[in-house]
Amino acid sequence: MAEKCAWLIAWGEAVDPAAQLVAGAARQYGLNVKGQHWPEKEKQAWLASAKEAAQAEAAVILLVMTHAVYAQPENRRALALFRLSLQTLLNRQVDGVILLQGEPPAAAPVQALGQAVLADWLVVGPTDKWVARAVARAHAPAKSSLPARLTLYAEERLGVWLEVRPNTTEPLQGFIAGVSGPAADITFHAVGASGRLPERSVNEYELRGLKFETDGLAFNAWGLQNQIAADQSYFIRLENEPEVIAFGALPGGEISELDFVRLA
């Protein structure tokens, strides 16, 4: 098995000098640094990048990019998908440090609906002290702060699937999941054992093509009435990349309460 490393991602040509300084600082603290330039022009760049980082046994991500690049929703969405895919491939949480370069935006970011997939990654500026904290994140087991375990499977033949399992050991009576974002939709769903895509699923009282709005966001949703045991999850096949995911139990066919996770 390869030695674990700090996986450094440089996003954009302008950050190359900063990325070299970051790599040098990390090595001085004993981190084995490997990495890549983010392949901006590739379709599903997050998938190829996650496979590279997984093969290198990434223990922590060091992400060097400008404030302007990080401010773009599509870029944050790609990073969230990268993290979920990497964690699926490694079967463990992966922490990160985002080192933003250049001038910060004048306006504070607007608080959006839900908890972000990247919310627990440390965000620092070019002059902040970060190396010791990155070392700690590389060696300490990371714990998810999301309201559910999200596992991402991407296969050429089967498409991109998201496994959703709320953080509870109780069985769930029915389940619903919705996606919001440009052209984001769900094209299939299933229930099966957690940790792998189900080969088959008997879906009870399916609900397809549901639509609802909340907080100014429009969601496309699917649901079913299966009882989902403690060792099972709900799986949805994604069309395009969602910016926000909504999910919750569906007792009696009625939405009781929804949780929201933000990718962008």
C-alpha atoms as a PDB file:
ATOM      1  CA  MET A   1       0.000   0.000   0.000  1.00  0.00           C
ATOM      2  CA  ALA A   2       1.297   3.484  -0.889  1.00  0.00           C
ATOM      3  CA  GLU A   3       2.397   5.839   1.866  1.00  0.00           C
ATOM      4  CA  LYS A   4      -0.296   8.359   2.730  1.00  0.00           C
ATOM      5  CA  CYS A   5       0.299  11.836   1.367  1.00  0.00           C
ATOM      6  CA  ALA A   6      -0.867  15.416   1.339  1.00  0.00           C
ATOM      7  CA  TRP A   7      -2.542  15.815  -2.050  1.00  0.00           C
ATOM      8  CA  LEU A   8      -1.971  19.323  -3.407  1.00  0.00           C
ATOM      9  CA  ILE A   9      -4.325  20.711  -6.046  1.00  0.00           C
ATOM     10  CA  ALA A  10      -3.341  23.889  -7.902  1.00  0.00           C
ATOM     11  CA  TRP A  11      -6.361  25.419  -9.638  1.00  0.00           C
ATOM     12  CA  GLY A  12      -5.376  27.994 -12.265  1.00  0.00           C
ATOM     13  CA  GLU A  13      -2.027  29.070 -13.705  1.00  0.00           C
ATOM     14  CA  ALA A  14      -1.753  32.173 -11.519  1.00  0.00           C
ATOM     15  CA  VAL A  15      -1.407  30.104  -8.355  1.00  0.00           C
ATOM     16  CA  ASP A  16       1.617  28.023  -9.403  1.00  0.00           C
ATOM     17  CA  PRO A  17       4.164  30.056  -7.365  1.00  0.00           C
ATOM     18  CA  ALA A  18       1.901  29.913  -4.306  1.00  0.00           C
ATOM     19  CA  ALA A  19       1.404  26.169  -4.772  1.00  0.00           C
ATOM     20  CA  GLN A  20       5.175  25.635  -4.815  1.00  0.00           C
ATOM     21  CA  LEU A  21       5.509  27.557  -1.538  1.00  0.00           C
ATOM     22  CA  VAL A  22       2.685  25.528  -0.007  1.00  0.00           C
ATOM     23  CA  ALA A  23       4.339  22.262  -1.055  1.00  0.00           C
ATOM     24  CA  GLY A  24       7.677  23.367   0.392  1.00  0.00           C
ATOM     25  CA  ALA A  25       6.121  24.404   3.693  1.00  0.00           C
ATOM     26  CA  ALA A  26       4.238  21.095   3.987  1.00  0.00           C
ATOM     27  CA  ARG A  27       7.376  19.060   3.298  1.00  0.00           C
ATOM     28  CA  GLN A  28       9.264  20.938   6.020  1.00  0.00           C
ATOM     29  CA  TYR A  29       6.665  19.601   8.457  1.00  0.00           C
ATOM     30  CA  GLY A  30       7.193  16.037   7.289  1.00  0.00           C
ATOM     31  CA  LEU A  31       4.262  15.694   4.909  1.00  0.00           C
ATOM     32  CA  ASN A  32       4.773  13.641   1.763  1.00  0.00           C
ATOM     33  CA  VAL A  33       3.363  15.984  -0.907  1.00  0.00           C
ATOM     34  CA  LYS A  34       1.984  14.823  -4.236  1.00  0.00           C
ATOM     35  CA  GLY A  35      -0.593  16.483  -6.440  1.00  0.00           C
ATOM     36  CA  GLN A  36      -1.981  17.819  -9.659  1.00  0.00           C
ATOM     37  CA  HIS A  37      -3.231  20.781 -11.635  1.00  0.00           C
ATOM     38  CA  TRP A  38      -7.021  20.739 -11.646  1.00  0.00           C
ATOM     39  CA  PRO A  39      -8.086  19.682 -15.175  1.00  0.00           C
ATOM     40  CA  GLU A  40     -10.538  22.534 -15.719  1.00  0.00           C
ATOM     41  CA  LYS A  41     -11.470  21.642 -19.299  1.00  0.00           C
ATOM     42  CA  GLU A  42     -12.236  17.984 -18.670  1.00  0.00           C
ATOM     43  CA  LYS A  43     -15.797  16.732 -18.311  1.00  0.00           C
ATOM     44  CA  GLN A  44     -16.332  15.365 -14.799  1.00  0.00           C
ATOM     45  CA  ALA A  45     -12.851  16.549 -13.838  1.00  0.00           C
ATOM     46  CA  TRP A  46     -13.719  15.704 -10.239  1.00  0.00           C
ATOM     47  CA  LEU A  47     -13.883  11.982 -11.041  1.00  0.00           C
ATOM     48  CA  ALA A  48     -10.445  11.679 -12.646  1.00  0.00           C
ATOM     49  CA  SER A  49      -8.960  13.848  -9.892  1.00  0.00           C
ATOM     50  CA  ALA A  50     -10.524  11.712  -7.152  1.00  0.00           C
ATOM     51  CA  LYS A  51      -9.112   8.534  -8.710  1.00  0.00           C
ATOM     52  CA  GLU A  52      -5.629  10.080  -8.829  1.00  0.00           C
ATOM     53  CA  ALA A  53      -5.820  11.215  -5.211  1.00  0.00           C
ATOM     54  CA  ALA A  54      -7.153   7.841  -4.078  1.00  0.00           C
ATOM     55  CA  GLN A  55      -4.313   5.972  -5.807  1.00  0.00           C
ATOM     56  CA  ALA A  56      -1.881   8.234  -3.919  1.00  0.00           C
ATOM     57  CA  GLU A  57      -3.609   7.435  -0.579  1.00  0.00           C
ATOM     58  CA  ALA A  58      -4.402  11.101   0.073  1.00  0.00           C
ATOM     59  CA  ALA A  59      -4.640  11.793   3.825  1.00  0.00           C
ATOM     60  CA  VAL A  60      -5.360  15.513   3.510  1.00  0.00           C
ATOM     61  CA  ILE A  61      -6.109  17.836   0.588  1.00  0.00           C
ATOM     62  CA  LEU A  62      -4.206  21.098   0.128  1.00  0.00           C
ATOM     63  CA  LEU A  63      -6.145  23.223  -2.341  1.00  0.00           C
ATOM     64  CA  VAL A  64      -4.515  26.367  -3.755  1.00  0.00           C
ATOM     65  CA  MET A  65      -6.812  28.665  -5.723  1.00  0.00           C
ATOM     66  CA  THR A  66      -7.862  32.316  -5.928  1.00  0.00           C
ATOM     67  CA  HIS A  67     -10.848  33.828  -4.154  1.00  0.00           C
ATOM     68  CA  ALA A  68     -12.410  34.455  -7.573  1.00  0.00           C
ATOM     69  CA  VAL A  69     -12.176  30.793  -8.622  1.00  0.00           C
ATOM     70  CA  TYR A  70     -13.532  29.537  -5.295  1.00  0.00           C
ATOM     71  CA  ALA A  71     -16.436  31.990  -5.473  1.00  0.00           C
ATOM     72  CA  GLN A  72     -17.849  30.265  -8.571  1.00  0.00           C
ATOM     73  CA  PRO A  73     -20.658  27.819  -7.598  1.00  0.00           C
ATOM     74  CA  GLU A  74     -19.739  25.354 -10.347  1.00  0.00           C
ATOM     75  CA  ASN A  75     -16.187  25.134  -8.984  1.00  0.00           C
ATOM     76  CA  ARG A  76     -17.305  24.516  -5.398  1.00  0.00           C
ATOM     77  CA  ARG A  77     -19.746  21.895  -6.713  1.00  0.00           C
ATOM     78  CA  ALA A  78     -16.912  20.113  -8.529  1.00  0.00           C
ATOM     79  CA  LEU A  79     -14.805  20.155  -5.351  1.00  0.00           C
ATOM     80  CA  ALA A  80     -17.681  18.730  -3.309  1.00  0.00           C
ATOM     81  CA  LEU A  81     -18.152  15.913  -5.830  1.00  0.00           C
ATOM     82  CA  PHE A  82     -14.387  15.334  -5.791  1.00  0.00           C
ATOM     83  CA  ARG A  83     -14.457  14.956  -2.017  1.00  0.00           C
ATOM     84  CA  LEU A  84     -17.448  12.595  -1.987  1.00  0.00           C
ATOM     85  CA  SER A  85     -15.941  10.453  -4.761  1.00  0.00           C
ATOM     86  CA  LEU A  86     -12.522  10.357  -3.070  1.00  0.00           C
ATOM     87  CA  GLN A  87     -14.047   9.345   0.259  1.00  0.00           C
ATOM     88  CA  THR A  88     -16.007   6.586  -1.463  1.00  0.00           C
ATOM     89  CA  LEU A  89     -12.876   5.236  -3.139  1.00  0.00           C
ATOM     90  CA  LEU A  90     -10.874   5.325   0.114  1.00  0.00           C
ATOM     91  CA  ASN A  91     -13.795   4.321   2.370  1.00  0.00           C
ATOM     92  CA  ARG A  92     -12.909   7.048   4.877  1.00  0.00           C
ATOM     93  CA  GLN A  93     -13.361  10.758   5.477  1.00  0.00           C
ATOM     94  CA  VAL A  94     -10.740  13.060   3.944  1.00  0.00           C
ATOM     95  CA  ASP A  95     -10.031  16.459   5.461  1.00  0.00           C
ATOM     96  CA  GLY A  96      -8.721  19.487   3.625  1.00  0.00           C
ATOM     97  CA  VAL A  97      -7.211  22.968   3.757  1.00  0.00           C
ATOM     98  CA  ILE A  98      -8.254  25.583   1.181  1.00  0.00           C
ATOM     99  CA  LEU A  99      -5.541  28.224   0.707  1.00  0.00           C
ATOM    100  CA  LEU A 100      -7.114  31.208  -1.026  1.00  0.00           C
ATOM    101  CA  GLN A 101      -4.885  33.608  -2.930  1.00  0.00           C
ATOM    102  CA  GLY A 102      -5.358  37.235  -3.993  1.00  0.00           C
ATOM    103  CA  GLU A 103      -7.811  39.804  -2.754  1.00  0.00           C
ATOM    104  CA  PRO A 104     -10.993  38.572  -1.069  1.00  0.00           C
ATOM    105  CA  PRO A 105     -14.324  39.748  -2.505  1.00  0.00           C
ATOM    106  CA  ALA A 106     -15.706  42.999  -1.151  1.00  0.00           C
ATOM    107  CA  ALA A 107     -19.103  41.514  -0.324  1.00  0.00           C
ATOM    108  CA  ALA A 108     -19.566  38.759   2.238  1.00  0.00           C
ATOM    109  CA  PRO A 109     -20.948  35.499   0.808  1.00  0.00           C
ATOM    110  CA  VAL A 110     -24.690  34.996   1.142  1.00  0.00           C
ATOM    111  CA  GLN A 111     -25.708  32.255   3.572  1.00  0.00           C
ATOM    112  CA  ALA A 112     -27.309  29.516   1.471  1.00  0.00           C
ATOM    113  CA  LEU A 113     -29.663  26.690   2.340  1.00  0.00           C
ATOM    114  CA  GLY A 114     -28.181  23.577   3.951  1.00  0.00           C
ATOM    115  CA  GLN A 115     -24.798  22.490   5.227  1.00  0.00           C
ATOM    116  CA  ALA A 116     -21.965  22.497   2.704  1.00  0.00           C
ATOM    117  CA  VAL A 117     -20.002  19.328   1.910  1.00  0.00           C
ATOM    118  CA  LEU A 118     -16.832  21.422   2.271  1.00  0.00           C
ATOM    119  CA  ALA A 119     -17.943  23.276   5.420  1.00  0.00           C
ATOM    120  CA  ASP A 120     -15.447  21.488   7.672  1.00  0.00           C
ATOM    121  CA  TRP A 121     -12.422  22.102   5.446  1.00  0.00           C
ATOM    122  CA  LEU A 122     -10.144  24.806   6.840  1.00  0.00           C
ATOM    123  CA  VAL A 123     -10.168  27.998   4.739  1.00  0.00           C
ATOM    124  CA  VAL A 124      -7.120  30.254   5.130  1.00  0.00           C
ATOM    125  CA  GLY A 125      -5.488  33.220   3.440  1.00  0.00           C
ATOM    126  CA  PRO A 126      -1.931  33.384   2.055  1.00  0.00           C
ATOM    127  CA  THR A 127      -0.454  34.764   5.305  1.00  0.00           C
ATOM    128  CA  ASP A 128      -2.327  32.590   7.805  1.00  0.00           C
ATOM    129  CA  LYS A 129      -0.520  29.912   9.815  1.00  0.00           C
ATOM    130  CA  TRP A 130      -1.904  26.650   8.520  1.00  0.00           C
ATOM    131  CA  VAL A 131       0.820  24.003   8.234  1.00  0.00           C
ATOM    132  CA  ALA A 132       0.586  22.527  11.740  1.00  0.00           C
ATOM    133  CA  ARG A 133      -3.184  22.334  11.394  1.00  0.00           C
ATOM    134  CA  ALA A 134      -2.843  20.567   8.042  1.00  0.00           C
ATOM    135  CA  VAL A 135      -0.470  18.029   9.621  1.00  0.00           C
ATOM    136  CA  ALA A 136      -3.008  17.400  12.393  1.00  0.00           C
ATOM    137  CA  ARG A 137      -5.754  16.897   9.818  1.00  0.00           C
ATOM    138  CA  ALA A 138      -3.586  14.436   7.895  1.00  0.00           C
ATOM    139  CA  HIS A 139      -3.059  12.250  10.972  1.00  0.00           C
ATOM    140  CA  ALA A 140      -6.297  12.652  12.943  1.00  0.00           C
ATOM    141  CA  PRO A 141      -9.333  10.643  11.830  1.00  0.00           C
ATOM    142  CA  ALA A 142     -11.861  13.009  10.250  1.00  0.00           C
ATOM    143  CA  LYS A 143     -15.519  12.831  11.246  1.00  0.00           C
ATOM    144  CA  SER A 144     -18.335  13.933   9.000  1.00  0.00           C
ATOM    145  CA  SER A 145     -20.447  16.846  10.177  1.00  0.00           C
ATOM    146  CA  LEU A 146     -23.179  16.236   7.579  1.00  0.00           C
ATOM    147  CA  PRO A 147     -26.651  15.011   8.593  1.00  0.00           C
ATOM    148  CA  ALA A 148     -26.218  11.896   6.438  1.00  0.00           C
ATOM    149  CA  ARG A 149     -23.587   9.611   5.013  1.00  0.00           C
ATOM    150  CA  LEU A 150     -23.252  10.468   1.326  1.00  0.00           C
ATOM    151  CA  THR A 151     -21.433   8.024  -0.928  1.00  0.00           C
ATOM    152  CA  LEU A 152     -20.850   8.715  -4.614  1.00  0.00           C
ATOM    153  CA  TYR A 153     -20.501   6.023  -7.267  1.00  0.00           C
ATOM    154  CA  ALA A 154     -19.556   6.923 -10.831  1.00  0.00           C
ATOM    155  CA  GLU A 155     -19.419   4.204 -13.480  1.00  0.00           C
ATOM    156  CA  GLU A 156     -19.457   4.643 -17.243  1.00  0.00           C
ATOM    157  CA  ARG A 157     -22.179   2.049 -17.793  1.00  0.00           C
ATOM    158  CA  LEU A 158     -24.352   2.810 -14.755  1.00  0.00           C
ATOM    159  CA  GLY A 159     -23.942   6.588 -14.488  1.00  0.00           C
ATOM    160  CA  VAL A 160     -23.478   8.650 -11.326  1.00  0.00           C
ATOM    161  CA  TRP A 161     -25.284   7.411  -8.209  1.00  0.00           C
ATOM    162  CA  LEU A 162     -25.556   8.953  -4.764  1.00  0.00           C
ATOM    163  CA  GLU A 163     -26.115   6.771  -1.702  1.00  0.00           C
ATOM    164  CA  VAL A 164     -27.918   8.553   1.135  1.00  0.00           C
ATOM    165  CA  ARG A 165     -28.103   7.178   4.664  1.00  0.00           C
ATOM    166  CA  PRO A 166     -29.209   9.566   7.448  1.00  0.00           C
ATOM    167  CA  ASN A 167     -27.197   9.438  10.670  1.00  0.00           C
ATOM    168  CA  THR A 168     -29.558   7.196  12.586  1.00  0.00           C
ATOM    169  CA  THR A 169     -29.619   3.534  13.522  1.00  0.00           C
ATOM    170  CA  GLU A 170     -33.418   3.508  13.431  1.00  0.00           C
ATOM    171  CA  PRO A 171     -35.266   1.979  10.447  1.00  0.00           C
ATOM    172  CA  LEU A 172     -36.799   4.530   8.092  1.00  0.00           C
ATOM    173  CA  GLN A 173     -40.345   4.309   6.817  1.00  0.00           C
ATOM    174  CA  GLY A 174     -40.155   5.550   3.279  1.00  0.00           C
ATOM    175  CA  PHE A 175     -37.674   8.035   1.889  1.00  0.00           C
ATOM    176  CA  ILE A 176     -37.556  11.032  -0.434  1.00  0.00           C
ATOM    177  CA  ALA A 177     -34.629  12.793  -2.070  1.00  0.00           C
ATOM    178  CA  GLY A 178     -34.601  15.891  -4.247  1.00  0.00           C
ATOM    179  CA  VAL A 179     -31.984  17.798  -6.209  1.00  0.00           C
ATOM    180  CA  SER A 180     -31.734  21.460  -7.117  1.00  0.00           C
ATOM    181  CA  GLY A 181     -29.440  23.063  -9.660  1.00  0.00           C
ATOM    182  CA  PRO A 182     -29.171  23.829 -13.369  1.00  0.00           C
ATOM    183  CA  ALA A 183     -30.834  20.879 -15.159  1.00  0.00           C
ATOM    184  CA  ALA A 184     -30.203  18.617 -12.137  1.00  0.00           C
ATOM    185  CA  ASP A 185     -32.608  15.678 -11.926  1.00  0.00           C
ATOM    186  CA  ILE A 186     -33.052  12.094 -10.736  1.00  0.00           C
ATOM    187  CA  THR A 187     -33.529   9.325 -13.279  1.00  0.00           C
ATOM    188  CA  PHE A 188     -33.773   6.212 -11.102  1.00  0.00           C
ATOM    189  CA  HIS A 189     -33.797   5.113  -7.460  1.00  0.00           C
ATOM    190  CA  ALA A 190     -33.359   1.987  -5.365  1.00  0.00           C
ATOM    191  CA  VAL A 191     -33.027   0.624  -1.844  1.00  0.00           C
ATOM    192  CA  GLY A 192     -30.281  -1.808  -0.889  1.00  0.00           C
ATOM    193  CA  ALA A 193     -27.489  -2.763   1.476  1.00  0.00           C
ATOM    194  CA  SER A 194     -25.277   0.179   2.446  1.00  0.00           C
ATOM    195  CA  GLY A 195     -21.829   0.407   0.929  1.00  0.00           C
ATOM    196  CA  ARG A 196     -22.458  -0.813  -2.621  1.00  0.00           C
ATOM    197  CA  LEU A 197     -24.845  -0.252  -5.493  1.00  0.00           C
ATOM    198  CA  PRO A 198     -27.796  -2.668  -5.299  1.00  0.00           C
ATOM    199  CA  GLU A 199     -28.125  -5.210  -8.083  1.00  0.00           C
ATOM    200  CA  ARG A 200     -31.903  -5.123  -7.783  1.00  0.00           C
ATOM    201  CA  SER A 201     -34.538  -3.335  -5.746  1.00  0.00           C
ATOM    202  CA  VAL A 202     -38.243  -3.814  -5.145  1.00  0.00           C
ATOM    203  CA  ASN A 203     -39.607  -0.287  -4.910  1.00  0.00           C
ATOM    204  CA  GLU A 204     -42.872   0.098  -3.031  1.00  0.00           C
ATOM    205  CA  TYR A 205     -45.362   2.867  -3.835  1.00  0.00           C
ATOM    206  CA  GLU A 206     -42.986   4.924  -5.891  1.00  0.00           C
ATOM    207  CA  LEU A 207     -43.305   8.661  -6.288  1.00  0.00           C
ATOM    208  CA  ARG A 208     -41.548  10.099  -9.323  1.00  0.00           C
ATOM    209  CA  GLY A 209     -41.155  13.575 -10.717  1.00  0.00           C
ATOM    210  CA  LEU A 210     -42.174  15.411  -7.547  1.00  0.00           C
ATOM    211  CA  LYS A 211     -41.494  19.123  -7.554  1.00  0.00           C
ATOM    212  CA  PHE A 212     -41.293  21.530  -4.640  1.00  0.00           C
ATOM    213  CA  GLU A 213     -39.720  24.867  -3.773  1.00  0.00           C
ATOM    214  CA  THR A 214     -38.080  26.115  -0.604  1.00  0.00           C
ATOM    215  CA  ASP A 215     -35.859  29.092   0.144  1.00  0.00           C
ATOM    216  CA  GLY A 216     -36.154  30.177  -3.478  1.00  0.00           C
ATOM    217  CA  LEU A 217     -34.801  26.864  -4.794  1.00  0.00           C
ATOM    218  CA  ALA A 218     -36.737  24.474  -7.042  1.00  0.00           C
ATOM    219  CA  PHE A 219     -36.268  20.743  -6.413  1.00  0.00           C
ATOM    220  CA  ASN A 220     -36.952  17.672  -8.528  1.00  0.00           C
ATOM    221  CA  ALA A 221     -37.580  14.714  -6.226  1.00  0.00           C
ATOM    222  CA  TRP A 222     -38.311  10.994  -6.130  1.00  0.00           C
ATOM    223  CA  GLY A 223     -39.511   8.886  -3.219  1.00  0.00           C
ATOM    224  CA  LEU A 224     -40.828   5.491  -2.182  1.00  0.00           C
ATOM    225  CA  GLN A 225     -42.494   3.760   0.746  1.00  0.00           C
ATOM    226  CA  ASN A 226     -40.005   0.942   1.424  1.00  0.00           C
ATOM    227  CA  GLN A 227     -38.986   0.332   5.004  1.00  0.00           C
ATOM    228  CA  ILE A 228     -35.253   0.995   5.030  1.00  0.00           C
ATOM    229  CA  ALA A 229     -33.407  -1.043   7.648  1.00  0.00           C
ATOM    230  CA  ALA A 230     -30.440   0.224   9.675  1.00  0.00           C
ATOM    231  CA  ASP A 231     -27.993  -1.504   7.310  1.00  0.00           C
ATOM    232  CA  GLN A 232     -29.673  -0.202   4.143  1.00  0.00           C
ATOM    233  CA  SER A 233     -29.537   3.072   2.193  1.00  0.00           C
ATOM    234  CA  TYR A 234     -31.486   4.951  -0.454  1.00  0.00           C
ATOM    235  CA  PHE A 235     -29.779   5.329  -3.828  1.00  0.00           C
ATOM    236  CA  ILE A 236     -30.536   7.864  -6.573  1.00  0.00           C
ATOM    237  CA  ARG A 237     -29.077   8.104 -10.076  1.00  0.00           C
ATOM    238  CA  LEU A 238     -28.188  11.690 -10.901  1.00  0.00           C
ATOM    239  CA  GLU A 239     -28.618  13.564 -14.142  1.00  0.00           C
ATOM    240  CA  ASN A 240     -26.247  16.524 -14.260  1.00  0.00           C
ATOM    241  CA  GLU A 241     -24.682  17.917 -11.088  1.00  0.00           C
ATOM    242  CA  PRO A 242     -26.926  19.172  -8.272  1.00  0.00           C
ATOM    243  CA  GLU A 243     -26.091  22.213  -6.181  1.00  0.00           C
ATOM    244  CA  VAL A 244     -28.316  21.260  -3.224  1.00  0.00           C
ATOM    245  CA  ILE A 245     -29.634  17.866  -2.126  1.00  0.00           C
ATOM    246  CA  ALA A 246     -32.762  17.478   0.025  1.00  0.00           C
ATOM    247  CA  PHE A 247     -33.709  14.247   1.774  1.00  0.00           C
ATOM    248  CA  GLY A 248     -35.840  12.815   4.547  1.00  0.00           C
ATOM    249  CA  ALA A 249     -38.154  10.045   5.654  1.00  0.00           C
ATOM    250  CA  LEU A 250     -41.585   9.686   4.078  1.00  0.00           C
ATOM    251  CA  PRO A 251     -43.865   8.159   6.721  1.00  0.00           C
ATOM    252  CA  GLY A 252     -47.352   7.508   5.382  1.00  0.00           C
ATOM    253  CA  GLY A 253     -46.347   9.015   2.067  1.00  0.00           C
ATOM    254  CA  GLU A 254     -46.066  12.493   3.591  1.00  0.00           C
ATOM    255  CA  ILE A 255     -42.919  14.615   3.881  1.00  0.00           C
ATOM    256  CA  SER A 256     -42.274  15.109   7.596  1.00  0.00           C
ATOM    257  CA  GLU A 257     -38.951  16.945   7.726  1.00  0.00           C
ATOM    258  CA  LEU A 258     -36.155  17.504   5.220  1.00  0.00           C
ATOM    259  CA  ASP A 259     -32.418  17.937   5.647  1.00  0.00           C
ATOM    260  CA  PHE A 260     -30.375  19.837   3.092  1.00  0.00           C
ATOM    261  CA  VAL A 261     -26.762  19.402   1.975  1.00  0.00           C
ATOM    262  CA  ARG A 262     -25.119  21.987  -0.265  1.00  0.00           C
ATOM    263  CA  LEU A 263     -22.554  21.074  -2.884  1.00  0.00           C
ATOM    264  CA  ALA A 264     -22.079  24.523  -4.431  1.00  0.00           C
END
